[in-house]
Structures are given as structure tokens and as C-alpha cells.
């Protein structure tokens, strides 16, 4: 099931879906909702969803807007940026499915708002 008895899920992946009314750069402008919906579907189809496995969550602003769109996987705290749904496939298969970080999609640590 999980490594720690305190863990309910092995991984959480949070997608920033924040939208800024003032037109400032944000994840919502870059397909974040589509990626979230797709990831949720792929996690279920892959048999990765559920207790002791993976939970896909929506999030508000995570203050990494300049790297939009962004997602973060916990408990590792690995931040990703992505371009299209094939990138989401790779995150699901490699990180969520096999525990391997997808290096090419990592969000640079200095990227903020």
C-alpha cells in the first residue's frame, strides 16, 4: 500500500488552475484545466487511482506563474511544467507509475511569479 502508515496516498499531483481576471500571466491561460482533466482520466485508466496510490487535485495559485502551466507531485515536492498532453502521459507513466522523475519537464527552481 504505502511506505508510511500515516500516508493515505502514495502521491498527490496538484495542478494550478488559477485564472487572473486582470490579464496577468497564469496557468489557466495555458491549458491547465484540460491537463488536469486528462491526468485524472489517465491515472484512473492506468489503475493508479485510489487509496494507497495516486490522487489528482486542483489547486489555486501556487506562485510559480512564470513557468505556467505547472503541477507539483507530493510527497517529493517535484515541480513540473508541461506543453501538451503527451507530457502529462509521461508524468503519469514515469513519475506516478514508476517513481521516476521526468527530468526534461522539471520546473527550474528560480521560476516564480
PDB file of N, CA and C in Angstrom:
ATOM      1  N   UNK A   1       0.831  -1.200   0.000  1.00  0.00           N
ATOM      2  CA  UNK A   1       0.000   0.000   0.000  1.00  0.00           C
ATOM      3  C   UNK A   1       0.868   1.254   0.000  1.00  0.00           C
ATOM      4  N   UNK A   2       1.305   1.734   1.148  1.00  0.00           N
ATOM      5  CA  UNK A   2       2.159   2.934   1.208  1.00  0.00           C
ATOM      6  C   UNK A   2       3.358   2.652   2.092  1.00  0.00           C
ATOM      7  N   UNK A   3       4.367   3.499   1.987  1.00  0.00           N
ATOM      8  CA  UNK A   3       5.569   3.343   2.791  1.00  0.00           C
ATOM      9  C   UNK A   3       5.346   3.743   4.239  1.00  0.00           C
ATOM     10  N   UNK A   4       4.479   4.676   4.494  1.00  0.00           N
ATOM     11  CA  UNK A   4       4.244   5.190   5.838  1.00  0.00           C
ATOM     12  C   UNK A   4       2.804   4.939   6.242  1.00  0.00           C
ATOM     13  N   UNK A   5       2.579   4.464   7.474  1.00  0.00           N
ATOM     14  CA  UNK A   5       1.196   4.249   7.904  1.00  0.00           C
ATOM     15  C   UNK A   5       0.404   5.553   7.982  1.00  0.00           C
ATOM     16  N   UNK A   6       1.086   6.695   8.001  1.00  0.00           N
ATOM     17  CA  UNK A   6       0.402   7.990   8.049  1.00  0.00           C
ATOM     18  C   UNK A   6      -0.010   8.464   6.657  1.00  0.00           C
ATOM     19  N   UNK A   7       0.503   7.816   5.609  1.00  0.00           N
ATOM     20  CA  UNK A   7       0.187   8.221   4.242  1.00  0.00           C
ATOM     21  C   UNK A   7      -1.115   7.579   3.795  1.00  0.00           C
ATOM     22  N   UNK A   8      -1.975   8.378   3.207  1.00  0.00           N
ATOM     23  CA  UNK A   8      -3.222   7.864   2.654  1.00  0.00           C
ATOM     24  C   UNK A   8      -3.059   7.599   1.172  1.00  0.00           C
ATOM     25  N   UNK A   9      -2.294   8.472   0.503  1.00  0.00           N
ATOM     26  CA  UNK A   9      -1.962   8.300  -0.907  1.00  0.00           C
ATOM     27  C   UNK A   9      -0.448   8.223  -1.046  1.00  0.00           C
ATOM     28  N   UNK A  10       0.003   7.472  -2.016  1.00  0.00           N
ATOM     29  CA  UNK A  10       1.438   7.414  -2.294  1.00  0.00           C
ATOM     30  C   UNK A  10       1.897   8.726  -2.920  1.00  0.00           C
ATOM     31  N   UNK A  11       1.073   9.266  -3.833  1.00  0.00           N
ATOM     32  CA  UNK A  11       1.384  10.532  -4.499  1.00  0.00           C
ATOM     33  C   UNK A  11       0.132  11.388  -4.597  1.00  0.00           C
ATOM     34  N   UNK A  12       0.315  12.685  -4.456  1.00  0.00           N
ATOM     35  CA  UNK A  12      -0.678  13.696  -4.832  1.00  0.00           C
ATOM     36  C   UNK A  12      -0.050  14.489  -5.964  1.00  0.00           C
ATOM     37  N   UNK A  13      -0.836  14.757  -7.007  1.00  0.00           N
ATOM     38  CA  UNK A  13      -0.370  15.700  -8.023  1.00  0.00           C
ATOM     39  C   UNK A  13      -1.381  16.838  -8.056  1.00  0.00           C
ATOM     40  N   UNK A  14      -0.868  18.035  -7.840  1.00  0.00           N
ATOM     41  CA  UNK A  14      -1.693  19.240  -7.821  1.00  0.00           C
ATOM     42  C   UNK A  14      -1.442  20.044  -9.090  1.00  0.00           C
ATOM     43  N   UNK A  15      -2.514  20.433  -9.764  1.00  0.00           N
ATOM     44  CA  UNK A  15      -2.448  21.275 -10.945  1.00  0.00           C
ATOM     45  C   UNK A  15      -2.944  22.660 -10.590  1.00  0.00           C
ATOM     46  N   UNK A  16      -2.130  23.679 -10.846  1.00  0.00           N
ATOM     47  CA  UNK A  16      -2.585  25.052 -10.671  1.00  0.00           C
ATOM     48  C   UNK A  16      -3.610  25.336 -11.768  1.00  0.00           C
ATOM     49  N   UNK A  17      -4.804  25.760 -11.358  1.00  0.00           N
ATOM     50  CA  UNK A  17      -5.859  26.125 -12.306  1.00  0.00           C
ATOM     51  C   UNK A  17      -6.219  27.597 -12.165  1.00  0.00           C
ATOM     52  N   UNK A  18      -5.352  28.350 -11.512  1.00  0.00           N
ATOM     53  CA  UNK A  18      -5.646  29.753 -11.228  1.00  0.00           C
ATOM     54  C   UNK A  18      -5.832  30.575 -12.501  1.00  0.00           C
ATOM     55  N   UNK A  19      -6.818  31.450 -12.443  1.00  0.00           N
ATOM     56  CA  UNK A  19      -7.099  32.371 -13.538  1.00  0.00           C
ATOM     57  C   UNK A  19      -7.092  33.788 -12.986  1.00  0.00           C
ATOM     58  N   UNK A  20      -6.367  34.661 -13.632  1.00  0.00           N
ATOM     59  CA  UNK A  20      -6.276  36.065 -13.189  1.00  0.00           C
ATOM     60  C   UNK A  20      -7.185  36.930 -14.047  1.00  0.00           C
ATOM     61  N   UNK A  21      -8.086  37.630 -13.386  1.00  0.00           N
ATOM     62  CA  UNK A  21      -9.053  38.498 -14.076  1.00  0.00           C
ATOM     63  C   UNK A  21      -8.391  39.706 -14.733  1.00  0.00           C
ATOM     64  N   UNK A  22      -7.235  40.110 -14.213  1.00  0.00           N
ATOM     65  CA  UNK A  22      -6.578  41.316 -14.727  1.00  0.00           C
ATOM     66  C   UNK A  22      -5.717  41.057 -15.957  1.00  0.00           C
ATOM     67  N   UNK A  23      -5.705  39.816 -16.446  1.00  0.00           N
ATOM     68  CA  UNK A  23      -4.939  39.503 -17.647  1.00  0.00           C
ATOM     69  C   UNK A  23      -3.497  39.109 -17.393  1.00  0.00           C
ATOM     70  N   UNK A  24      -3.049  39.126 -16.128  1.00  0.00           N
ATOM     71  CA  UNK A  24      -1.683  38.702 -15.817  1.00  0.00           C
ATOM     72  C   UNK A  24      -1.495  37.227 -16.194  1.00  0.00           C
ATOM     73  N   UNK A  25      -0.254  36.876 -16.476  1.00  0.00           N
ATOM     74  CA  UNK A  25       0.122  35.514 -16.844  1.00  0.00           C
ATOM     75  C   UNK A  25      -0.366  34.532 -15.783  1.00  0.00           C
ATOM     76  N   UNK A  26      -1.003  33.441 -16.204  1.00  0.00           N
ATOM     77  CA  UNK A  26      -1.493  32.443 -15.249  1.00  0.00           C
ATOM     78  C   UNK A  26      -1.646  31.091 -15.927  1.00  0.00           C
ATOM     79  N   UNK A  27      -1.750  30.056 -15.122  1.00  0.00           N
ATOM     80  CA  UNK A  27      -1.843  28.683 -15.641  1.00  0.00           C
ATOM     81  C   UNK A  27      -3.111  28.448 -16.444  1.00  0.00           C
ATOM     82  N   UNK A  28      -4.214  29.066 -16.059  1.00  0.00           N
ATOM     83  CA  UNK A  28      -5.484  28.857 -16.764  1.00  0.00           C
ATOM     84  C   UNK A  28      -5.389  29.250 -18.242  1.00  0.00           C
ATOM     85  N   UNK A  29      -4.520  30.188 -18.555  1.00  0.00           N
ATOM     86  CA  UNK A  29      -4.346  30.632 -19.945  1.00  0.00           C
ATOM     87  C   UNK A  29      -3.568  29.618 -20.792  1.00  0.00           C
ATOM     88  N   UNK A  30      -3.054  28.577 -20.157  1.00  0.00           N
ATOM     89  CA  UNK A  30      -2.154  27.647 -20.851  1.00  0.00           C
ATOM     90  C   UNK A  30      -2.615  26.198 -20.766  1.00  0.00           C
ATOM     91  N   UNK A  31      -3.916  25.979 -20.760  1.00  0.00           N
ATOM     92  CA  UNK A  31      -4.452  24.623 -20.833  1.00  0.00           C
ATOM     93  C   UNK A  31      -4.371  23.814 -19.560  1.00  0.00           C
ATOM     94  N   UNK A  32      -4.257  24.473 -18.423  1.00  0.00           N
ATOM     95  CA  UNK A  32      -4.115  23.752 -17.160  1.00  0.00           C
ATOM     96  C   UNK A  32      -5.332  22.882 -16.834  1.00  0.00           C
ATOM     97  N   UNK A  33      -6.523  23.380 -17.092  1.00  0.00           N
ATOM     98  CA  UNK A  33      -7.742  22.601 -16.783  1.00  0.00           C
ATOM     99  C   UNK A  33      -7.819  21.368 -17.672  1.00  0.00           C
ATOM    100  N   UNK A  34      -7.505  21.517 -18.939  1.00  0.00           N
ATOM    101  CA  UNK A  34      -7.501  20.375 -19.850  1.00  0.00           C
ATOM    102  C   UNK A  34      -6.478  19.328 -19.387  1.00  0.00           C
ATOM    103  N   UNK A  35      -5.308  19.778 -18.972  1.00  0.00           N
ATOM    104  CA  UNK A  35      -4.265  18.865 -18.494  1.00  0.00           C
ATOM    105  C   UNK A  35      -4.699  18.161 -17.215  1.00  0.00           C
ATOM    106  N   UNK A  36      -5.333  18.897 -16.302  1.00  0.00           N
ATOM    107  CA  UNK A  36      -5.851  18.310 -15.057  1.00  0.00           C
ATOM    108  C   UNK A  36      -6.868  17.214 -15.375  1.00  0.00           C
ATOM    109  N   UNK A  37      -7.852  17.543 -16.214  1.00  0.00           N
ATOM    110  CA  UNK A  37      -8.891  16.570 -16.575  1.00  0.00           C
ATOM    111  C   UNK A  37      -8.280  15.337 -17.231  1.00  0.00           C
ATOM    112  N   UNK A  38      -7.335  15.561 -18.122  1.00  0.00           N
ATOM    113  CA  UNK A  38      -6.668  14.470 -18.830  1.00  0.00           C
ATOM    114  C   UNK A  38      -5.880  13.600 -17.849  1.00  0.00           C
ATOM    115  N   UNK A  39      -5.131  14.224 -16.950  1.00  0.00           N
ATOM    116  CA  UNK A  39      -4.328  13.489 -15.972  1.00  0.00           C
ATOM    117  C   UNK A  39      -5.231  12.630 -15.088  1.00  0.00           C
ATOM    118  N   UNK A  40      -6.325  13.198 -14.634  1.00  0.00           N
ATOM    119  CA  UNK A  40      -7.268  12.467 -13.786  1.00  0.00           C
ATOM    120  C   UNK A  40      -7.763  11.216 -14.522  1.00  0.00           C
ATOM    121  N   UNK A  41      -8.117  11.374 -15.779  1.00  0.00           N
ATOM    122  CA  UNK A  41      -8.607  10.254 -16.593  1.00  0.00           C
ATOM    123  C   UNK A  41      -7.501   9.200 -16.794  1.00  0.00           C
ATOM    124  N   UNK A  42      -6.286   9.655 -17.118  1.00  0.00           N
ATOM    125  CA  UNK A  42      -5.182   8.725 -17.364  1.00  0.00           C
ATOM    126  C   UNK A  42      -4.784   7.949 -16.093  1.00  0.00           C
ATOM    127  N   UNK A  43      -4.814   8.622 -14.953  1.00  0.00           N
ATOM    128  CA  UNK A  43      -4.491   7.956 -13.691  1.00  0.00           C
ATOM    129  C   UNK A  43      -5.518   6.850 -13.421  1.00  0.00           C
ATOM    130  N   UNK A  44      -6.788   7.135 -13.637  1.00  0.00           N
ATOM    131  CA  UNK A  44      -7.832   6.114 -13.448  1.00  0.00           C
ATOM    132  C   UNK A  44      -7.659   4.963 -14.429  1.00  0.00           C
ATOM    133  N   UNK A  45      -7.485   5.297 -15.717  1.00  0.00           N
ATOM    134  CA  UNK A  45      -7.328   4.264 -16.749  1.00  0.00           C
ATOM    135  C   UNK A  45      -6.112   3.379 -16.506  1.00  0.00           C
ATOM    136  N   UNK A  46      -5.083   3.934 -15.888  1.00  0.00           N
ATOM    137  CA  UNK A  46      -3.848   3.200 -15.623  1.00  0.00           C
ATOM    138  C   UNK A  46      -3.918   2.362 -14.355  1.00  0.00           C
ATOM    139  N   UNK A  47      -5.034   2.457 -13.638  1.00  0.00           N
ATOM    140  CA  UNK A  47      -5.177   1.716 -12.389  1.00  0.00           C
ATOM    141  C   UNK A  47      -4.373   2.300 -11.247  1.00  0.00           C
ATOM    142  N   UNK A  48      -4.002   3.569 -11.372  1.00  0.00           N
ATOM    143  CA  UNK A  48      -3.175   4.223 -10.349  1.00  0.00           C
ATOM    144  C   UNK A  48      -3.994   5.014  -9.327  1.00  0.00           C
ATOM    145  N   UNK A  49      -5.292   5.158  -9.540  1.00  0.00           N
ATOM    146  CA  UNK A  49      -6.127   5.990  -8.659  1.00  0.00           C
ATOM    147  C   UNK A  49      -6.558   5.210  -7.421  1.00  0.00           C
ATOM    148  N   UNK A  50      -6.693   5.922  -6.319  1.00  0.00           N
ATOM    149  CA  UNK A  50      -7.268   5.320  -5.125  1.00  0.00           C
ATOM    150  C   UNK A  50      -6.348   5.340  -3.926  1.00  0.00           C
ATOM    151  N   UNK A  51      -6.891   4.880  -2.833  1.00  0.00           N
ATOM    152  CA  UNK A  51      -6.170   4.843  -1.562  1.00  0.00           C
ATOM    153  C   UNK A  51      -4.887   4.041  -1.723  1.00  0.00           C
ATOM    154  N   UNK A  52      -3.799   4.610  -1.221  1.00  0.00           N
ATOM    155  CA  UNK A  52      -2.501   3.965  -1.318  1.00  0.00           C
ATOM    156  C   UNK A  52      -1.825   4.172  -2.654  1.00  0.00           C
ATOM    157  N   UNK A  53      -2.494   4.898  -3.546  1.00  0.00           N
ATOM    158  CA  UNK A  53      -1.953   5.111  -4.885  1.00  0.00           C
ATOM    159  C   UNK A  53      -1.836   6.613  -5.166  1.00  0.00           C
ATOM    160  N   UNK A  54      -2.590   7.112  -6.150  1.00  0.00           N
ATOM    161  CA  UNK A  54      -2.440   8.494  -6.618  1.00  0.00           C
ATOM    162  C   UNK A  54      -3.747   9.250  -6.500  1.00  0.00           C
ATOM    163  N   UNK A  55      -3.650  10.508  -6.120  1.00  0.00           N
ATOM    164  CA  UNK A  55      -4.783  11.437  -6.094  1.00  0.00           C
ATOM    165  C   UNK A  55      -4.411  12.645  -6.946  1.00  0.00           C
ATOM    166  N   UNK A  56      -5.293  13.011  -7.884  1.00  0.00           N
ATOM    167  CA  UNK A  56      -5.100  14.174  -8.749  1.00  0.00           C
ATOM    168  C   UNK A  56      -5.974  15.289  -8.198  1.00  0.00           C
ATOM    169  N   UNK A  57      -5.360  16.446  -7.893  1.00  0.00           N
ATOM    170  CA  UNK A  57      -6.064  17.549  -7.251  1.00  0.00           C
ATOM    171  C   UNK A  57      -5.939  18.854  -8.019  1.00  0.00           C
ATOM    172  N   UNK A  58      -6.970  19.686  -7.870  1.00  0.00           N
ATOM    173  CA  UNK A  58      -6.942  21.069  -8.364  1.00  0.00           C
ATOM    174  C   UNK A  58      -6.282  21.933  -7.294  1.00  0.00           C
ATOM    175  N   UNK A  59      -5.633  22.987  -7.734  1.00  0.00           N
ATOM    176  CA  UNK A  59      -5.049  23.948  -6.801  1.00  0.00           C
ATOM    177  C   UNK A  59      -5.266  25.353  -7.340  1.00  0.00           C
ATOM    178  N   UNK A  60      -5.277  26.298  -6.422  1.00  0.00           N
ATOM    179  CA  UNK A  60      -5.275  27.700  -6.806  1.00  0.00           C
ATOM    180  C   UNK A  60      -3.840  28.104  -7.092  1.00  0.00           C
ATOM    181  N   UNK A  61      -3.591  29.376  -7.082  1.00  0.00           N
ATOM    182  CA  UNK A  61      -2.262  29.881  -7.407  1.00  0.00           C
ATOM    183  C   UNK A  61      -1.198  29.285  -6.489  1.00  0.00           C
ATOM    184  N   UNK A  62      -0.143  28.796  -7.107  1.00  0.00           N
ATOM    185  CA  UNK A  62       0.987  28.253  -6.351  1.00  0.00           C
ATOM    186  C   UNK A  62       2.213  29.152  -6.485  1.00  0.00           C
ATOM    187  N   UNK A  63       1.996  30.348  -7.055  1.00  0.00           N
ATOM    188  CA  UNK A  63       3.009  31.393  -7.133  1.00  0.00           C
ATOM    189  C   UNK A  63       4.223  31.020  -7.992  1.00  0.00           C
ATOM    190  N   UNK A  64       3.971  30.214  -9.031  1.00  0.00           N
ATOM    191  CA  UNK A  64       5.037  29.849  -9.968  1.00  0.00           C
ATOM    192  C   UNK A  64       4.580  30.198 -11.381  1.00  0.00           C
ATOM    193  N   UNK A  65       3.818  31.276 -11.501  1.00  0.00           N
ATOM    194  CA  UNK A  65       3.119  31.682 -12.726  1.00  0.00           C
ATOM    195  C   UNK A  65       4.017  31.807 -13.952  1.00  0.00           C
ATOM    196  N   UNK A  66       5.244  32.252 -13.774  1.00  0.00           N
ATOM    197  CA  UNK A  66       6.149  32.452 -14.909  1.00  0.00           C
ATOM    198  C   UNK A  66       6.482  31.140 -15.614  1.00  0.00           C
ATOM    199  N   UNK A  67       6.251  30.016 -14.957  1.00  0.00           N
ATOM    200  CA  UNK A  67       6.517  28.714 -15.562  1.00  0.00           C
ATOM    201  C   UNK A  67       5.267  28.029 -16.068  1.00  0.00           C
ATOM    202  N   UNK A  68       4.172  28.762 -16.120  1.00  0.00           N
ATOM    203  CA  UNK A  68       2.857  28.200 -16.440  1.00  0.00           C
ATOM    204  C   UNK A  68       2.838  27.427 -17.735  1.00  0.00           C
ATOM    205  N   UNK A  69       2.091  26.339 -17.708  1.00  0.00           N
ATOM    206  CA  UNK A  69       1.312  25.755 -16.625  1.00  0.00           C
ATOM    207  C   UNK A  69       2.202  24.885 -15.728  1.00  0.00           C
ATOM    208  N   UNK A  70       1.802  24.745 -14.475  1.00  0.00           N
ATOM    209  CA  UNK A  70       2.605  23.982 -13.522  1.00  0.00           C
ATOM    210  C   UNK A  70       1.763  22.955 -12.771  1.00  0.00           C
ATOM    211  N   UNK A  71       2.466  21.922 -12.334  1.00  0.00           N
ATOM    212  CA  UNK A  71       1.899  20.895 -11.460  1.00  0.00           C
ATOM    213  C   UNK A  71       3.004  20.490 -10.494  1.00  0.00           C
ATOM    214  N   UNK A  72       2.609  20.012  -9.319  1.00  0.00           N
ATOM    215  CA  UNK A  72       3.594  19.574  -8.343  1.00  0.00           C
ATOM    216  C   UNK A  72       3.161  18.229  -7.772  1.00  0.00           C
ATOM    217  N   UNK A  73       4.147  17.328  -7.624  1.00  0.00           N
ATOM    218  CA  UNK A  73       3.886  15.992  -7.091  1.00  0.00           C
ATOM    219  C   UNK A  73       4.435  15.923  -5.670  1.00  0.00           C
ATOM    220  N   UNK A  74       3.582  15.511  -4.745  1.00  0.00           N
ATOM    221  CA  UNK A  74       3.970  15.293  -3.347  1.00  0.00           C
ATOM    222  C   UNK A  74       3.804  13.821  -3.025  1.00  0.00           C
ATOM    223  N   UNK A  75       4.610  13.272  -2.130  1.00  0.00           N
ATOM    224  CA  UNK A  75       5.341  13.983  -1.089  1.00  0.00           C
ATOM    225  C   UNK A  75       6.722  14.482  -1.505  1.00  0.00           C
ATOM    226  N   UNK A  76       7.161  14.189  -2.733  1.00  0.00           N
ATOM    227  CA  UNK A  76       8.512  14.571  -3.133  1.00  0.00           C
ATOM    228  C   UNK A  76       8.701  16.068  -3.329  1.00  0.00           C
ATOM    229  N   UNK A  77       7.627  16.792  -3.658  1.00  0.00           N
ATOM    230  CA  UNK A  77       7.751  18.222  -3.931  1.00  0.00           C
ATOM    231  C   UNK A  77       8.415  18.481  -5.273  1.00  0.00           C
ATOM    232  N   UNK A  78       8.116  17.655  -6.258  1.00  0.00           N
ATOM    233  CA  UNK A  78       8.703  17.787  -7.595  1.00  0.00           C
ATOM    234  C   UNK A  78       7.781  18.638  -8.453  1.00  0.00           C
ATOM    235  N   UNK A  79       8.308  19.749  -8.948  1.00  0.00           N
ATOM    236  CA  UNK A  79       7.544  20.702  -9.754  1.00  0.00           C
ATOM    237  C   UNK A  79       7.774  20.451 -11.238  1.00  0.00           C
ATOM    238  N   UNK A  80       6.665  20.398 -11.972  1.00  0.00           N
ATOM    239  CA  UNK A  80       6.719  20.193 -13.417  1.00  0.00           C
ATOM    240  C   UNK A  80       6.054  21.345 -14.155  1.00  0.00           C
ATOM    241  N   UNK A  81       6.530  21.575 -15.358  1.00  0.00           N
ATOM    242  CA  UNK A  81       5.835  22.385 -16.335  1.00  0.00           C
ATOM    243  C   UNK A  81       5.589  21.459 -17.526  1.00  0.00           C
ATOM    244  N   UNK A  82       4.622  21.789 -18.343  1.00  0.00           N
ATOM    245  CA  UNK A  82       4.286  20.892 -19.448  1.00  0.00           C
ATOM    246  C   UNK A  82       3.768  21.701 -20.616  1.00  0.00           C
ATOM    247  N   UNK A  83       3.860  21.108 -21.798  1.00  0.00           N
ATOM    248  CA  UNK A  83       3.451  21.787 -23.021  1.00  0.00           C
ATOM    249  C   UNK A  83       2.166  21.187 -23.567  1.00  0.00           C
ATOM    250  N   UNK A  84       2.089  19.879 -23.525  1.00  0.00           N
ATOM    251  CA  UNK A  84       0.924  19.226 -24.123  1.00  0.00           C
ATOM    252  C   UNK A  84       0.568  17.959 -23.346  1.00  0.00           C
ATOM    253  N   UNK A  85      -0.429  17.248 -23.844  1.00  0.00           N
ATOM    254  CA  UNK A  85      -0.927  16.076 -23.133  1.00  0.00           C
ATOM    255  C   UNK A  85       0.039  14.896 -23.179  1.00  0.00           C
ATOM    256  N   UNK A  86       0.942  14.871 -24.140  1.00  0.00           N
ATOM    257  CA  UNK A  86       1.949  13.809 -24.140  1.00  0.00           C
ATOM    258  C   UNK A  86       2.912  13.984 -22.959  1.00  0.00           C
ATOM    259  N   UNK A  87       3.131  15.229 -22.544  1.00  0.00           N
ATOM    260  CA  UNK A  87       3.935  15.472 -21.341  1.00  0.00           C
ATOM    261  C   UNK A  87       3.220  14.915 -20.108  1.00  0.00           C
ATOM    262  N   UNK A  88       1.910  15.075 -20.063  1.00  0.00           N
ATOM    263  CA  UNK A  88       1.124  14.533 -18.942  1.00  0.00           C
ATOM    264  C   UNK A  88       1.207  13.007 -18.957  1.00  0.00           C
ATOM    265  N   UNK A  89       1.127  12.400 -20.133  1.00  0.00           N
ATOM    266  CA  UNK A  89       1.289  10.942 -20.244  1.00  0.00           C
ATOM    267  C   UNK A  89       2.602  10.502 -19.610  1.00  0.00           C
ATOM    268  N   UNK A  90       3.657  11.236 -19.910  1.00  0.00           N
ATOM    269  CA  UNK A  90       4.979  10.872 -19.393  1.00  0.00           C
ATOM    270  C   UNK A  90       5.050  11.020 -17.874  1.00  0.00           C
ATOM    271  N   UNK A  91       4.460  12.075 -17.333  1.00  0.00           N
ATOM    272  CA  UNK A  91       4.433  12.261 -15.877  1.00  0.00           C
ATOM    273  C   UNK A  91       3.652  11.114 -15.215  1.00  0.00           C
ATOM    274  N   UNK A  92       2.504  10.768 -15.796  1.00  0.00           N
ATOM    275  CA  UNK A  92       1.688   9.675 -15.238  1.00  0.00           C
ATOM    276  C   UNK A  92       2.453   8.352 -15.298  1.00  0.00           C
ATOM    277  N   UNK A  93       2.983   8.026 -16.458  1.00  0.00           N
ATOM    278  CA  UNK A  93       3.663   6.738 -16.623  1.00  0.00           C
ATOM    279  C   UNK A  93       4.942   6.643 -15.803  1.00  0.00           C
ATOM    280  N   UNK A  94       5.782   7.662 -15.924  1.00  0.00           N
ATOM    281  CA  UNK A  94       7.105   7.581 -15.298  1.00  0.00           C
ATOM    282  C   UNK A  94       7.102   7.934 -13.811  1.00  0.00           C
ATOM    283  N   UNK A  95       6.608   9.113 -13.467  1.00  0.00           N
ATOM    284  CA  UNK A  95       6.690   9.526 -12.064  1.00  0.00           C
ATOM    285  C   UNK A  95       5.632   8.849 -11.205  1.00  0.00           C
ATOM    286  N   UNK A  96       4.368   8.978 -11.616  1.00  0.00           N
ATOM    287  CA  UNK A  96       3.295   8.424 -10.794  1.00  0.00           C
ATOM    288  C   UNK A  96       3.242   6.902 -10.872  1.00  0.00           C
ATOM    289  N   UNK A  97       3.577   6.336 -12.019  1.00  0.00           N
ATOM    290  CA  UNK A  97       3.523   4.895 -12.191  1.00  0.00           C
ATOM    291  C   UNK A  97       4.777   4.149 -11.772  1.00  0.00           C
ATOM    292  N   UNK A  98       5.940   4.724 -12.069  1.00  0.00           N
ATOM    293  CA  UNK A  98       7.206   4.025 -11.829  1.00  0.00           C
ATOM    294  C   UNK A  98       8.109   4.700 -10.795  1.00  0.00           C
ATOM    295  N   UNK A  99       7.720   5.882 -10.343  1.00  0.00           N
ATOM    296  CA  UNK A  99       8.532   6.584  -9.354  1.00  0.00           C
ATOM    297  C   UNK A  99       9.772   7.245  -9.911  1.00  0.00           C
ATOM    298  N   UNK A 100       9.813   7.445 -11.233  1.00  0.00           N
ATOM    299  CA  UNK A 100      10.972   8.069 -11.881  1.00  0.00           C
ATOM    300  C   UNK A 100      10.653   9.512 -12.244  1.00  0.00           C
ATOM    301  N   UNK A 101      11.460  10.435 -11.781  1.00  0.00           N
ATOM    302  CA  UNK A 101      11.275  11.854 -12.081  1.00  0.00           C
ATOM    303  C   UNK A 101      11.516  12.093 -13.572  1.00  0.00           C
ATOM    304  N   UNK A 102      10.659  12.900 -14.181  1.00  0.00           N
ATOM    305  CA  UNK A 102      10.782  13.239 -15.600  1.00  0.00           C
ATOM    306  C   UNK A 102      11.628  14.509 -15.685  1.00  0.00           C
ATOM    307  N   UNK A 103      12.913  14.324 -15.792  1.00  0.00           N
ATOM    308  CA  UNK A 103      13.884  15.423 -15.726  1.00  0.00           C
ATOM    309  C   UNK A 103      13.600  16.535 -16.738  1.00  0.00           C
ATOM    310  N   UNK A 104      13.239  16.177 -17.950  1.00  0.00           N
ATOM    311  CA  UNK A 104      13.067  17.182 -19.003  1.00  0.00           C
ATOM    312  C   UNK A 104      11.882  18.116 -18.752  1.00  0.00           C
ATOM    313  N   UNK A 105      10.975  17.747 -17.862  1.00  0.00           N
ATOM    314  CA  UNK A 105       9.799  18.576 -17.571  1.00  0.00           C
ATOM    315  C   UNK A 105       9.909  19.321 -16.243  1.00  0.00           C
ATOM    316  N   UNK A 106      11.039  19.202 -15.573  1.00  0.00           N
ATOM    317  CA  UNK A 106      11.196  19.879 -14.281  1.00  0.00           C
ATOM    318  C   UNK A 106      11.143  21.393 -14.441  1.00  0.00           C
ATOM    319  N   UNK A 107      10.439  22.024 -13.526  1.00  0.00           N
ATOM    320  CA  UNK A 107      10.360  23.482 -13.481  1.00  0.00           C
ATOM    321  C   UNK A 107      11.606  23.991 -12.778  1.00  0.00           C
ATOM    322  N   UNK A 108      12.294  24.888 -13.402  1.00  0.00           N
ATOM    323  CA  UNK A 108      13.515  25.470 -12.829  1.00  0.00           C
ATOM    324  C   UNK A 108      13.210  26.082 -11.460  1.00  0.00           C
ATOM    325  N   UNK A 109      14.067  25.838 -10.458  1.00  0.00           N
ATOM    326  CA  UNK A 109      13.792  26.306  -9.097  1.00  0.00           C
ATOM    327  C   UNK A 109      13.678  27.832  -8.955  1.00  0.00           C
ATOM    328  N   UNK A 110      14.298  28.581  -9.852  1.00  0.00           N
ATOM    329  CA  UNK A 110      14.255  30.040  -9.721  1.00  0.00           C
ATOM    330  C   UNK A 110      12.975  30.649 -10.316  1.00  0.00           C
ATOM    331  N   UNK A 111      12.162  29.846 -10.991  1.00  0.00           N
ATOM    332  CA  UNK A 111      10.928  30.351 -11.604  1.00  0.00           C
ATOM    333  C   UNK A 111       9.899  30.637 -10.515  1.00  0.00           C
ATOM    334  N   UNK A 112       9.430  31.849 -10.490  1.00  0.00           N
ATOM    335  CA  UNK A 112       8.399  32.253  -9.529  1.00  0.00           C
ATOM    336  C   UNK A 112       7.245  32.899 -10.234  1.00  0.00           C
ATOM    337  N   UNK A 113       6.750  33.944  -9.633  1.00  0.00           N
ATOM    338  CA  UNK A 113       5.603  34.630 -10.202  1.00  0.00           C
ATOM    339  C   UNK A 113       6.055  35.621 -11.213  1.00  0.00           C
TER     340      UNK A 113
END
